[in-house]
Amino acid sequence: MASSKAKLAQTFKHYVVVSSVGQNLNEAQKKEIKDKGMNKMLKECCGDAEAKASEAQVFPKYCDKKTKKLHLDVFLGDFLTELAATVIQNKKKLTRKPDLADPEVVQLADEIKGKIAAKADEKKKEVKVDAVTARLTDTKGYTGSHKERFDDSGKGKGIAGRKYLVEETGYVSGYKNQDTYEKGEGEEGKGEGASEGAAAM
């Protein structure tokens, strides 16, 4: 059975991934969470009071000042105990934050940890796609101009799929077929062009 610390880390990484939609994260990146991910985790696992305390007071204090991300090691350290102390301070409207060793703070910190760790045991919901949505989003069935907007894997081509991009690298303005003229024909054409030019003079 996984330890409480391992479950906390599991939930932490889950919310890093959830808040980084569309990004392929490596293990190192999964150990750093943004404010957005932390807020979502605390709101869903604990409640609004913890999420607000983190956003306004605790996260800015503990996160890396350059990346604006909080590392997993810091999260597993004093972060949640500090969060518990801040929640108590806000709830009781105290002028000073309770000591981190205060029994009430320790108890609340354990409750917060328990709620976050419990999330790791929940079965992750699978995103089900109904038949109509699946059919409409299957790029293999697209035709015409819509078909040109995606590559073979179904990934969008961006502006290249919406606009006809022309490489205007020809010899003169309007010439669009660079390197398509065979050398032999080019030489013959060159001779003919010269003869015609001489006859016209």
N, C-alpha and C. Protein backbone atom coordinates (compact mmCIF):
# COMPACT_ATOMS: atom_id res chain seq x y z
N MET A 1 0.85 -1.20 0.00
CA MET A 1 0.00 0.00 0.00
C MET A 1 0.89 1.26 0.00
N ALA A 2 0.54 2.19 -0.85
CA ALA A 2 1.35 3.41 -0.98
C ALA A 2 1.28 4.25 0.29
N SER A 3 2.40 4.88 0.64
CA SER A 3 2.44 5.73 1.83
C SER A 3 1.70 7.03 1.57
N SER A 4 1.43 7.76 2.66
CA SER A 4 0.73 9.04 2.55
C SER A 4 1.52 10.02 1.68
N LYS A 5 2.85 9.99 1.83
CA LYS A 5 3.71 10.90 1.06
C LYS A 5 3.65 10.55 -0.43
N ALA A 6 3.64 9.25 -0.73
CA ALA A 6 3.58 8.81 -2.13
C ALA A 6 2.25 9.19 -2.76
N LYS A 7 1.18 9.12 -1.97
CA LYS A 7 -0.14 9.49 -2.48
C LYS A 7 -0.25 10.99 -2.70
N LEU A 8 0.37 11.75 -1.80
CA LEU A 8 0.39 13.21 -1.97
C LEU A 8 1.11 13.57 -3.27
N ALA A 9 2.23 12.89 -3.51
CA ALA A 9 3.02 13.13 -4.73
C ALA A 9 2.22 12.73 -5.96
N GLN A 10 1.47 11.64 -5.86
CA GLN A 10 0.66 11.15 -6.98
C GLN A 10 -0.42 12.16 -7.35
N THR A 11 -1.10 12.68 -6.33
CA THR A 11 -2.15 13.68 -6.57
C THR A 11 -1.54 14.96 -7.13
N PHE A 12 -0.42 15.37 -6.57
CA PHE A 12 0.30 16.56 -7.03
C PHE A 12 0.59 16.45 -8.53
N LYS A 13 1.20 15.34 -8.94
CA LYS A 13 1.55 15.14 -10.35
C LYS A 13 0.32 15.08 -11.24
N HIS A 14 -0.76 14.51 -10.71
CA HIS A 14 -2.00 14.43 -11.48
C HIS A 14 -2.50 15.83 -11.84
N TYR A 15 -2.44 16.74 -10.87
CA TYR A 15 -2.93 18.10 -11.12
C TYR A 15 -1.95 18.93 -11.95
N VAL A 16 -0.69 18.56 -11.94
CA VAL A 16 0.28 19.22 -12.83
C VAL A 16 -0.11 18.90 -14.27
N VAL A 17 -0.42 17.62 -14.51
CA VAL A 17 -0.79 17.17 -15.86
C VAL A 17 -2.13 17.77 -16.28
N VAL A 18 -3.10 17.75 -15.36
CA VAL A 18 -4.44 18.29 -15.64
C VAL A 18 -4.39 19.77 -16.02
N SER A 19 -3.51 20.53 -15.34
CA SER A 19 -3.42 21.97 -15.61
C SER A 19 -2.46 22.30 -16.75
N SER A 20 -1.90 21.26 -17.38
CA SER A 20 -0.99 21.47 -18.52
C SER A 20 -1.52 20.74 -19.75
N VAL A 21 -2.78 20.99 -20.06
CA VAL A 21 -3.46 20.31 -21.17
C VAL A 21 -2.70 20.48 -22.49
N GLY A 22 -2.55 19.38 -23.21
CA GLY A 22 -1.90 19.42 -24.52
C GLY A 22 -0.39 19.39 -24.49
N GLN A 23 0.21 19.31 -23.30
CA GLN A 23 1.67 19.29 -23.20
C GLN A 23 2.15 17.90 -22.79
N ASN A 24 3.22 17.44 -23.43
CA ASN A 24 3.83 16.18 -23.04
C ASN A 24 4.91 16.47 -22.01
N LEU A 25 4.62 16.17 -20.76
CA LEU A 25 5.55 16.49 -19.68
C LEU A 25 6.44 15.31 -19.32
N ASN A 26 7.71 15.59 -19.04
CA ASN A 26 8.60 14.53 -18.56
C ASN A 26 8.48 14.48 -17.03
N GLU A 27 9.18 13.55 -16.41
CA GLU A 27 9.07 13.36 -14.96
C GLU A 27 9.49 14.60 -14.17
N ALA A 28 10.54 15.27 -14.63
CA ALA A 28 11.01 16.48 -13.94
C ALA A 28 9.95 17.58 -13.98
N GLN A 29 9.29 17.73 -15.12
CA GLN A 29 8.26 18.76 -15.28
C GLN A 29 7.01 18.47 -14.45
N LYS A 30 6.76 17.18 -14.20
CA LYS A 30 5.59 16.79 -13.39
C LYS A 30 5.79 17.10 -11.91
N LYS A 31 7.01 17.50 -11.55
CA LYS A 31 7.32 17.82 -10.15
C LYS A 31 7.22 19.31 -9.86
N GLU A 32 6.73 20.07 -10.83
CA GLU A 32 6.58 21.52 -10.65
C GLU A 32 5.16 21.93 -11.03
N ILE A 33 4.48 22.56 -10.11
CA ILE A 33 3.08 22.92 -10.35
C ILE A 33 2.90 24.44 -10.40
N LYS A 34 1.99 24.88 -11.25
CA LYS A 34 1.68 26.30 -11.36
C LYS A 34 0.56 26.65 -10.37
N ASP A 35 0.37 27.93 -10.14
CA ASP A 35 -0.66 28.41 -9.23
C ASP A 35 -2.03 27.87 -9.63
N LYS A 36 -2.28 27.83 -10.94
CA LYS A 36 -3.56 27.37 -11.47
C LYS A 36 -3.82 25.92 -11.06
N GLY A 37 -2.80 25.07 -11.20
CA GLY A 37 -2.94 23.66 -10.84
C GLY A 37 -3.12 23.48 -9.34
N MET A 38 -2.38 24.25 -8.55
CA MET A 38 -2.48 24.18 -7.09
C MET A 38 -3.87 24.59 -6.63
N ASN A 39 -4.40 25.66 -7.20
CA ASN A 39 -5.74 26.14 -6.84
C ASN A 39 -6.80 25.08 -7.13
N LYS A 40 -6.68 24.46 -8.29
CA LYS A 40 -7.64 23.43 -8.69
C LYS A 40 -7.59 22.25 -7.73
N MET A 41 -6.37 21.83 -7.39
CA MET A 41 -6.18 20.70 -6.49
C MET A 41 -6.79 20.99 -5.10
N LEU A 42 -6.45 22.15 -4.54
CA LEU A 42 -6.93 22.49 -3.20
C LEU A 42 -8.45 22.70 -3.17
N LYS A 43 -8.96 23.28 -4.23
CA LYS A 43 -10.41 23.54 -4.30
C LYS A 43 -11.18 22.23 -4.38
N GLU A 44 -10.70 21.30 -5.19
CA GLU A 44 -11.40 20.03 -5.37
C GLU A 44 -11.17 19.05 -4.21
N CYS A 45 -10.00 19.14 -3.58
CA CYS A 45 -9.69 18.21 -2.49
C CYS A 45 -10.11 18.74 -1.12
N CYS A 46 -9.96 20.04 -0.91
CA CYS A 46 -10.18 20.62 0.42
C CYS A 46 -11.32 21.63 0.48
N GLY A 47 -11.27 22.65 -0.37
CA GLY A 47 -12.32 23.67 -0.35
C GLY A 47 -11.80 25.05 -0.71
N ASP A 48 -12.70 26.02 -0.74
CA ASP A 48 -12.37 27.38 -1.16
C ASP A 48 -11.39 28.08 -0.20
N ALA A 49 -11.55 27.83 1.10
CA ALA A 49 -10.70 28.51 2.09
C ALA A 49 -9.22 28.19 1.87
N GLU A 50 -8.93 26.92 1.63
CA GLU A 50 -7.55 26.50 1.39
C GLU A 50 -7.02 27.04 0.07
N ALA A 51 -7.87 26.99 -0.97
CA ALA A 51 -7.47 27.48 -2.29
C ALA A 51 -7.16 28.97 -2.27
N LYS A 52 -8.00 29.75 -1.58
CA LYS A 52 -7.80 31.20 -1.52
C LYS A 52 -6.57 31.57 -0.70
N ALA A 53 -6.37 30.85 0.41
CA ALA A 53 -5.20 31.11 1.27
C ALA A 53 -3.91 30.83 0.51
N SER A 54 -3.93 29.77 -0.27
CA SER A 54 -2.75 29.40 -1.06
C SER A 54 -2.46 30.45 -2.11
N GLU A 55 -3.49 30.82 -2.86
CA GLU A 55 -3.33 31.77 -3.97
C GLU A 55 -2.82 33.13 -3.50
N ALA A 56 -3.39 33.64 -2.42
CA ALA A 56 -3.07 35.00 -1.96
C ALA A 56 -1.84 35.09 -1.07
N GLN A 57 -1.59 34.04 -0.26
CA GLN A 57 -0.55 34.17 0.75
C GLN A 57 0.58 33.13 0.72
N VAL A 58 0.21 31.86 0.54
CA VAL A 58 1.21 30.81 0.71
C VAL A 58 1.98 30.48 -0.58
N PHE A 59 1.26 30.29 -1.68
CA PHE A 59 1.93 29.93 -2.94
C PHE A 59 2.97 30.97 -3.36
N PRO A 60 2.64 32.27 -3.34
CA PRO A 60 3.64 33.29 -3.74
C PRO A 60 4.90 33.25 -2.87
N LYS A 61 4.75 32.84 -1.61
CA LYS A 61 5.88 32.80 -0.68
C LYS A 61 6.81 31.61 -0.98
N TYR A 62 6.23 30.48 -1.34
CA TYR A 62 7.00 29.25 -1.51
C TYR A 62 7.41 28.93 -2.94
N CYS A 63 6.75 29.51 -3.93
CA CYS A 63 7.07 29.17 -5.32
C CYS A 63 8.39 29.80 -5.76
N ASP A 64 8.95 29.26 -6.83
CA ASP A 64 10.18 29.80 -7.40
C ASP A 64 9.85 31.16 -8.00
N LYS A 65 10.61 32.17 -7.65
CA LYS A 65 10.28 33.55 -8.08
C LYS A 65 10.45 33.76 -9.59
N LYS A 66 11.29 32.94 -10.22
CA LYS A 66 11.50 33.08 -11.67
C LYS A 66 10.46 32.31 -12.47
N THR A 67 10.30 31.02 -12.13
CA THR A 67 9.39 30.16 -12.91
C THR A 67 7.94 30.28 -12.46
N LYS A 68 7.73 30.81 -11.25
CA LYS A 68 6.39 30.91 -10.66
C LYS A 68 5.76 29.53 -10.48
N LYS A 69 6.61 28.54 -10.22
CA LYS A 69 6.13 27.17 -10.00
C LYS A 69 6.59 26.68 -8.63
N LEU A 70 5.83 25.74 -8.08
CA LEU A 70 6.16 25.18 -6.77
C LEU A 70 6.66 23.75 -6.97
N HIS A 71 7.81 23.42 -6.41
CA HIS A 71 8.38 22.09 -6.57
C HIS A 71 7.73 21.09 -5.61
N LEU A 72 7.67 19.85 -6.03
CA LEU A 72 7.08 18.78 -5.23
C LEU A 72 7.74 18.66 -3.85
N ASP A 73 9.06 18.81 -3.80
CA ASP A 73 9.79 18.69 -2.52
C ASP A 73 9.34 19.77 -1.53
N VAL A 74 9.07 20.96 -2.03
CA VAL A 74 8.60 22.06 -1.18
C VAL A 74 7.18 21.76 -0.70
N PHE A 75 6.37 21.23 -1.61
CA PHE A 75 4.98 20.86 -1.31
C PHE A 75 4.94 19.81 -0.19
N LEU A 76 5.84 18.84 -0.28
CA LEU A 76 5.89 17.78 0.73
C LEU A 76 6.58 18.25 2.02
N GLY A 77 7.19 19.44 1.96
CA GLY A 77 7.87 20.00 3.13
C GLY A 77 6.90 20.78 4.01
N ASP A 78 7.16 22.09 4.16
CA ASP A 78 6.37 22.93 5.07
C ASP A 78 5.15 23.59 4.42
N PHE A 79 4.99 23.43 3.12
CA PHE A 79 3.94 24.16 2.41
C PHE A 79 2.55 23.94 3.01
N LEU A 80 2.16 22.69 3.18
CA LEU A 80 0.80 22.39 3.66
C LEU A 80 0.61 22.79 5.13
N THR A 81 1.68 22.72 5.93
CA THR A 81 1.58 23.15 7.33
C THR A 81 1.41 24.67 7.38
N GLU A 82 2.14 25.36 6.53
CA GLU A 82 2.01 26.82 6.44
C GLU A 82 0.61 27.19 5.95
N LEU A 83 0.10 26.39 5.02
CA LEU A 83 -1.25 26.62 4.50
C LEU A 83 -2.27 26.47 5.62
N ALA A 84 -2.11 25.44 6.44
CA ALA A 84 -3.03 25.21 7.57
C ALA A 84 -3.00 26.39 8.54
N ALA A 85 -1.80 26.88 8.84
CA ALA A 85 -1.66 28.02 9.75
C ALA A 85 -2.32 29.26 9.17
N THR A 86 -2.19 29.46 7.87
CA THR A 86 -2.79 30.63 7.20
C THR A 86 -4.31 30.55 7.19
N VAL A 87 -4.83 29.34 6.96
CA VAL A 87 -6.29 29.14 6.96
C VAL A 87 -6.87 29.47 8.34
N ILE A 88 -6.18 29.01 9.38
CA ILE A 88 -6.62 29.29 10.76
C ILE A 88 -6.55 30.79 11.06
N GLN A 89 -5.47 31.43 10.62
CA GLN A 89 -5.32 32.88 10.82
C GLN A 89 -6.46 33.64 10.14
N ASN A 90 -6.76 33.28 8.92
CA ASN A 90 -7.83 33.95 8.17
C ASN A 90 -9.21 33.70 8.79
N LYS A 91 -9.42 32.45 9.20
CA LYS A 91 -10.73 32.08 9.76
C LYS A 91 -10.99 32.79 11.09
N LYS A 92 -9.96 32.86 11.92
CA LYS A 92 -10.11 33.49 13.24
C LYS A 92 -9.77 34.99 13.23
N LYS A 93 -9.35 35.47 12.06
CA LYS A 93 -8.97 36.88 11.89
C LYS A 93 -7.90 37.31 12.91
N LEU A 94 -6.87 36.49 12.99
CA LEU A 94 -5.77 36.76 13.91
C LEU A 94 -4.79 37.75 13.30
N THR A 95 -4.17 38.56 14.13
CA THR A 95 -3.18 39.52 13.62
C THR A 95 -1.86 38.83 13.30
N ARG A 96 -1.60 37.72 14.01
CA ARG A 96 -0.38 36.96 13.75
C ARG A 96 -0.72 35.52 13.38
N LYS A 97 0.10 34.96 12.53
CA LYS A 97 -0.10 33.58 12.10
C LYS A 97 0.31 32.63 13.23
N PRO A 98 -0.48 31.59 13.51
CA PRO A 98 -0.12 30.63 14.55
C PRO A 98 1.19 29.93 14.23
N ASP A 99 1.88 29.47 15.25
CA ASP A 99 3.14 28.74 15.07
C ASP A 99 2.86 27.43 14.34
N LEU A 100 3.79 27.03 13.48
CA LEU A 100 3.59 25.80 12.69
C LEU A 100 3.53 24.55 13.57
N ALA A 101 4.07 24.67 14.79
CA ALA A 101 4.06 23.53 15.72
C ALA A 101 2.80 23.51 16.59
N ASP A 102 1.96 24.51 16.45
CA ASP A 102 0.73 24.60 17.22
C ASP A 102 -0.13 23.35 16.94
N PRO A 103 -0.66 22.68 17.98
CA PRO A 103 -1.45 21.46 17.81
C PRO A 103 -2.61 21.60 16.84
N GLU A 104 -3.28 22.77 16.87
CA GLU A 104 -4.41 23.02 15.97
C GLU A 104 -3.94 23.09 14.52
N VAL A 105 -2.79 23.70 14.31
CA VAL A 105 -2.21 23.81 12.96
C VAL A 105 -1.80 22.42 12.46
N VAL A 106 -1.14 21.66 13.31
CA VAL A 106 -0.70 20.31 12.95
C VAL A 106 -1.89 19.42 12.60
N GLN A 107 -2.96 19.56 13.38
CA GLN A 107 -4.16 18.75 13.15
C GLN A 107 -4.80 19.10 11.80
N LEU A 108 -4.93 20.41 11.52
CA LEU A 108 -5.53 20.84 10.25
C LEU A 108 -4.64 20.44 9.08
N ALA A 109 -3.33 20.55 9.26
CA ALA A 109 -2.38 20.17 8.20
C ALA A 109 -2.54 18.69 7.87
N ASP A 110 -2.72 17.85 8.91
CA ASP A 110 -2.92 16.41 8.70
C ASP A 110 -4.22 16.15 7.96
N GLU A 111 -5.26 16.93 8.27
CA GLU A 111 -6.55 16.78 7.59
C GLU A 111 -6.43 17.14 6.11
N ILE A 112 -5.71 18.23 5.84
CA ILE A 112 -5.50 18.67 4.46
C ILE A 112 -4.72 17.61 3.68
N LYS A 113 -3.67 17.11 4.31
CA LYS A 113 -2.85 16.06 3.66
C LYS A 113 -3.69 14.81 3.38
N GLY A 114 -4.54 14.47 4.36
CA GLY A 114 -5.40 13.29 4.20
C GLY A 114 -6.36 13.42 3.04
N LYS A 115 -6.95 14.62 2.89
CA LYS A 115 -7.90 14.86 1.79
C LYS A 115 -7.21 14.81 0.42
N ILE A 116 -6.01 15.38 0.37
CA ILE A 116 -5.26 15.39 -0.90
C ILE A 116 -4.78 13.97 -1.24
N ALA A 117 -4.31 13.25 -0.24
CA ALA A 117 -3.83 11.87 -0.45
C ALA A 117 -4.97 10.96 -0.88
N ALA A 118 -6.17 11.19 -0.34
CA ALA A 118 -7.34 10.36 -0.67
C ALA A 118 -7.71 10.47 -2.14
N LYS A 119 -7.38 11.61 -2.74
CA LYS A 119 -7.69 11.84 -4.16
C LYS A 119 -6.93 10.85 -5.05
N ALA A 120 -5.78 10.38 -4.56
CA ALA A 120 -4.96 9.45 -5.35
C ALA A 120 -5.64 8.10 -5.49
N ASP A 121 -6.53 7.78 -4.52
CA ASP A 121 -7.22 6.48 -4.55
C ASP A 121 -8.47 6.51 -5.43
N GLU A 122 -8.90 7.71 -5.79
CA GLU A 122 -10.10 7.82 -6.63
C GLU A 122 -9.81 7.33 -8.05
N LYS A 123 -10.78 6.67 -8.61
CA LYS A 123 -10.63 6.18 -9.98
C LYS A 123 -10.76 7.37 -10.92
N LYS A 124 -9.75 7.57 -11.74
CA LYS A 124 -9.77 8.70 -12.67
C LYS A 124 -10.87 8.52 -13.70
N LYS A 125 -11.64 9.57 -13.87
CA LYS A 125 -12.75 9.51 -14.83
C LYS A 125 -12.23 9.53 -16.26
N GLU A 126 -12.77 8.63 -17.06
CA GLU A 126 -12.39 8.60 -18.48
C GLU A 126 -13.31 9.55 -19.23
N VAL A 127 -12.71 10.33 -20.08
CA VAL A 127 -13.49 11.27 -20.88
C VAL A 127 -14.13 10.51 -22.03
N LYS A 128 -15.45 10.39 -21.95
CA LYS A 128 -16.16 9.65 -22.99
C LYS A 128 -16.59 10.60 -24.10
N VAL A 129 -16.40 10.16 -25.33
CA VAL A 129 -16.78 10.96 -26.49
C VAL A 129 -17.94 10.27 -27.18
N ASP A 130 -19.06 10.98 -27.33
CA ASP A 130 -20.22 10.37 -27.96
C ASP A 130 -19.96 10.16 -29.45
N ALA A 131 -20.77 9.32 -30.07
CA ALA A 131 -20.59 8.93 -31.47
C ALA A 131 -20.60 10.11 -32.43
N VAL A 132 -21.49 11.08 -32.19
CA VAL A 132 -21.60 12.24 -33.08
C VAL A 132 -20.33 13.09 -33.02
N THR A 133 -19.85 13.36 -31.80
CA THR A 133 -18.63 14.15 -31.63
C THR A 133 -17.44 13.43 -32.26
N ALA A 134 -17.36 12.11 -32.05
CA ALA A 134 -16.26 11.32 -32.60
C ALA A 134 -16.25 11.39 -34.12
N ARG A 135 -17.44 11.34 -34.73
CA ARG A 135 -17.54 11.39 -36.19
C ARG A 135 -17.17 12.77 -36.72
N LEU A 136 -17.65 13.81 -36.03
CA LEU A 136 -17.38 15.17 -36.49
C LEU A 136 -15.92 15.58 -36.31
N THR A 137 -15.25 14.96 -35.35
CA THR A 137 -13.85 15.33 -35.11
C THR A 137 -12.86 14.37 -35.76
N ASP A 138 -13.38 13.39 -36.52
CA ASP A 138 -12.49 12.47 -37.24
C ASP A 138 -12.07 13.13 -38.55
N THR A 139 -10.83 13.57 -38.63
CA THR A 139 -10.36 14.32 -39.80
C THR A 139 -10.27 13.47 -41.07
N LYS A 140 -10.31 12.14 -40.91
CA LYS A 140 -10.22 11.26 -42.09
C LYS A 140 -11.45 11.42 -43.00
N GLY A 141 -12.55 11.88 -42.41
CA GLY A 141 -13.76 12.03 -43.20
C GLY A 141 -13.93 13.41 -43.82
N TYR A 142 -12.97 14.29 -43.60
CA TYR A 142 -13.05 15.64 -44.15
C TYR A 142 -12.74 15.66 -45.64
N THR A 143 -13.38 16.57 -46.36
CA THR A 143 -13.13 16.71 -47.79
C THR A 143 -12.91 18.18 -48.13
N GLY A 144 -12.56 18.42 -49.39
CA GLY A 144 -12.40 19.80 -49.85
C GLY A 144 -11.36 20.58 -49.07
N SER A 145 -11.67 21.86 -48.81
CA SER A 145 -10.73 22.74 -48.13
C SER A 145 -10.48 22.31 -46.68
N HIS A 146 -11.48 21.67 -46.06
CA HIS A 146 -11.32 21.21 -44.68
C HIS A 146 -10.24 20.13 -44.59
N LYS A 147 -10.20 19.28 -45.59
CA LYS A 147 -9.21 18.18 -45.62
C LYS A 147 -7.79 18.73 -45.65
N GLU A 148 -7.60 19.85 -46.33
CA GLU A 148 -6.27 20.44 -46.47
C GLU A 148 -5.74 21.05 -45.17
N ARG A 149 -6.59 21.19 -44.18
CA ARG A 149 -6.18 21.83 -42.93
C ARG A 149 -5.50 20.88 -41.95
N PHE A 150 -5.51 19.57 -42.25
CA PHE A 150 -4.92 18.59 -41.34
C PHE A 150 -3.96 17.67 -42.06
N ASP A 151 -2.94 17.17 -41.33
CA ASP A 151 -2.01 16.22 -41.94
C ASP A 151 -2.57 14.81 -41.78
N ASP A 152 -1.79 13.79 -42.15
CA ASP A 152 -2.27 12.41 -42.11
C ASP A 152 -2.61 11.92 -40.70
N SER A 153 -1.96 12.49 -39.69
CA SER A 153 -2.20 12.06 -38.31
C SER A 153 -3.39 12.77 -37.67
N GLY A 154 -3.95 13.76 -38.39
CA GLY A 154 -5.09 14.50 -37.85
C GLY A 154 -4.70 15.79 -37.16
N LYS A 155 -3.39 16.09 -37.16
CA LYS A 155 -2.91 17.31 -36.53
C LYS A 155 -3.10 18.50 -37.47
N GLY A 156 -3.53 19.62 -36.93
CA GLY A 156 -3.76 20.81 -37.76
C GLY A 156 -2.47 21.38 -38.32
N LYS A 157 -2.54 21.90 -39.53
CA LYS A 157 -1.35 22.47 -40.18
C LYS A 157 -1.16 23.95 -39.86
N GLY A 158 -2.12 24.53 -39.15
CA GLY A 158 -2.00 25.96 -38.84
C GLY A 158 -2.30 26.82 -40.04
N ILE A 159 -1.57 27.92 -40.22
CA ILE A 159 -1.83 28.86 -41.32
C ILE A 159 -1.63 28.21 -42.69
N ALA A 160 -0.74 27.22 -42.75
CA ALA A 160 -0.49 26.53 -44.02
C ALA A 160 -1.73 25.79 -44.51
N GLY A 161 -2.62 25.44 -43.59
CA GLY A 161 -3.84 24.74 -43.96
C GLY A 161 -4.99 25.68 -44.30
N ARG A 162 -4.80 26.96 -44.01
CA ARG A 162 -5.85 27.94 -44.27
C ARG A 162 -5.56 28.86 -45.44
N LYS A 163 -4.28 29.04 -45.73
CA LYS A 163 -3.91 29.95 -46.83
C LYS A 163 -3.03 29.23 -47.84
N TYR A 164 -3.14 29.63 -49.09
CA TYR A 164 -2.29 29.06 -50.12
C TYR A 164 -0.99 29.83 -50.11
N LEU A 165 0.03 29.18 -49.55
CA LEU A 165 1.33 29.83 -49.42
C LEU A 165 2.19 29.54 -50.64
N VAL A 166 2.64 30.57 -51.32
CA VAL A 166 3.43 30.42 -52.54
C VAL A 166 4.85 30.89 -52.30
N GLU A 167 5.79 30.10 -52.76
CA GLU A 167 7.19 30.52 -52.67
C GLU A 167 7.51 31.38 -53.88
N GLU A 168 7.53 32.66 -53.72
CA GLU A 168 7.79 33.55 -54.85
C GLU A 168 9.29 33.74 -54.98
N THR A 169 9.95 32.67 -55.42
CA THR A 169 11.40 32.71 -55.55
C THR A 169 11.83 32.52 -57.00
N GLY A 170 10.94 32.87 -57.94
CA GLY A 170 11.25 32.70 -59.36
C GLY A 170 12.22 33.75 -59.86
N TYR A 171 12.50 33.69 -61.17
CA TYR A 171 13.47 34.60 -61.78
C TYR A 171 12.90 36.00 -61.95
N VAL A 172 11.58 36.05 -62.22
CA VAL A 172 10.93 37.35 -62.38
C VAL A 172 9.64 37.33 -61.57
N SER A 173 9.06 38.49 -61.35
CA SER A 173 7.81 38.57 -60.60
C SER A 173 6.73 37.72 -61.28
N GLY A 174 6.09 36.88 -60.53
CA GLY A 174 5.03 36.05 -61.10
C GLY A 174 5.48 34.65 -61.46
N TYR A 175 6.82 34.43 -61.50
CA TYR A 175 7.32 33.10 -61.86
C TYR A 175 7.30 32.23 -60.60
N LYS A 176 6.53 31.13 -60.65
CA LYS A 176 6.33 30.32 -59.45
C LYS A 176 6.96 28.92 -59.55
N ASN A 177 7.66 28.62 -60.61
CA ASN A 177 8.12 27.24 -60.83
C ASN A 177 9.64 27.12 -60.85
N GLN A 178 10.26 27.60 -59.81
CA GLN A 178 11.72 27.53 -59.74
C GLN A 178 12.20 26.08 -59.75
N ASP A 179 13.28 25.81 -60.51
CA ASP A 179 13.91 24.49 -60.59
C ASP A 179 13.06 23.43 -61.27
N THR A 180 12.03 23.84 -62.02
CA THR A 180 11.21 22.84 -62.72
C THR A 180 11.55 22.79 -64.21
N TYR A 181 12.36 23.74 -64.67
CA TYR A 181 12.70 23.80 -66.09
C TYR A 181 13.96 22.98 -66.35
N GLU A 182 13.86 21.95 -67.18
CA GLU A 182 15.01 21.08 -67.44
C GLU A 182 16.15 21.83 -68.09
N LYS A 183 17.34 21.41 -67.74
CA LYS A 183 18.54 22.12 -68.21
C LYS A 183 18.65 22.11 -69.74
N GLY A 184 18.38 20.92 -70.34
CA GLY A 184 18.50 20.81 -71.80
C GLY A 184 17.55 21.74 -72.51
N GLU A 185 16.28 21.71 -72.03
CA GLU A 185 15.27 22.56 -72.65
C GLU A 185 15.60 24.03 -72.42
N GLY A 186 16.19 24.30 -71.26
CA GLY A 186 16.55 25.69 -70.94
C GLY A 186 17.56 26.22 -71.91
N GLU A 187 18.53 25.34 -72.27
CA GLU A 187 19.57 25.80 -73.18
C GLU A 187 19.01 26.02 -74.58
N GLU A 188 18.09 25.05 -75.00
CA GLU A 188 17.48 25.20 -76.32
C GLU A 188 16.62 26.45 -76.36
N GLY A 189 15.83 26.61 -75.27
CA GLY A 189 14.95 27.79 -75.21
C GLY A 189 15.75 29.06 -75.26
N LYS A 190 16.94 28.98 -74.62
CA LYS A 190 17.78 30.17 -74.58
C LYS A 190 18.25 30.54 -75.99
N GLY A 191 18.58 29.46 -76.80
CA GLY A 191 19.05 29.70 -78.16
C GLY A 191 17.96 30.23 -79.02
N GLU A 192 16.73 29.61 -78.87
CA GLU A 192 15.61 30.05 -79.67
C GLU A 192 15.25 31.50 -79.35
N GLY A 193 15.29 31.78 -78.05
CA GLY A 193 14.93 33.13 -77.62
C GLY A 193 15.89 34.16 -78.21
N ALA A 194 17.18 33.76 -78.28
CA ALA A 194 18.18 34.67 -78.81
C ALA A 194 17.97 34.90 -80.29
N SER A 195 17.58 33.79 -81.06
CA SER A 195 17.37 33.90 -82.50
C SER A 195 16.19 34.81 -82.78
N GLU A 196 15.08 34.54 -81.96
CA GLU A 196 13.87 35.33 -82.19
C GLU A 196 14.16 36.80 -81.92
N GLY A 197 14.98 37.04 -80.88
CA GLY A 197 15.31 38.43 -80.53
C GLY A 197 16.10 39.09 -81.64
N ALA A 198 17.01 38.31 -82.26
CA ALA A 198 17.84 38.87 -83.34
C ALA A 198 16.97 39.16 -84.56
N ALA A 199 15.99 38.24 -84.86
CA ALA A 199 15.13 38.43 -86.04
C ALA A 199 14.24 39.65 -85.87
N ALA A 200 13.83 39.85 -84.62
CA ALA A 200 12.93 40.99 -84.38
C ALA A 200 13.62 42.32 -84.54
N MET A 201 14.94 42.34 -84.39
CA MET A 201 15.67 43.60 -84.47
C MET A 201 15.78 44.10 -85.92
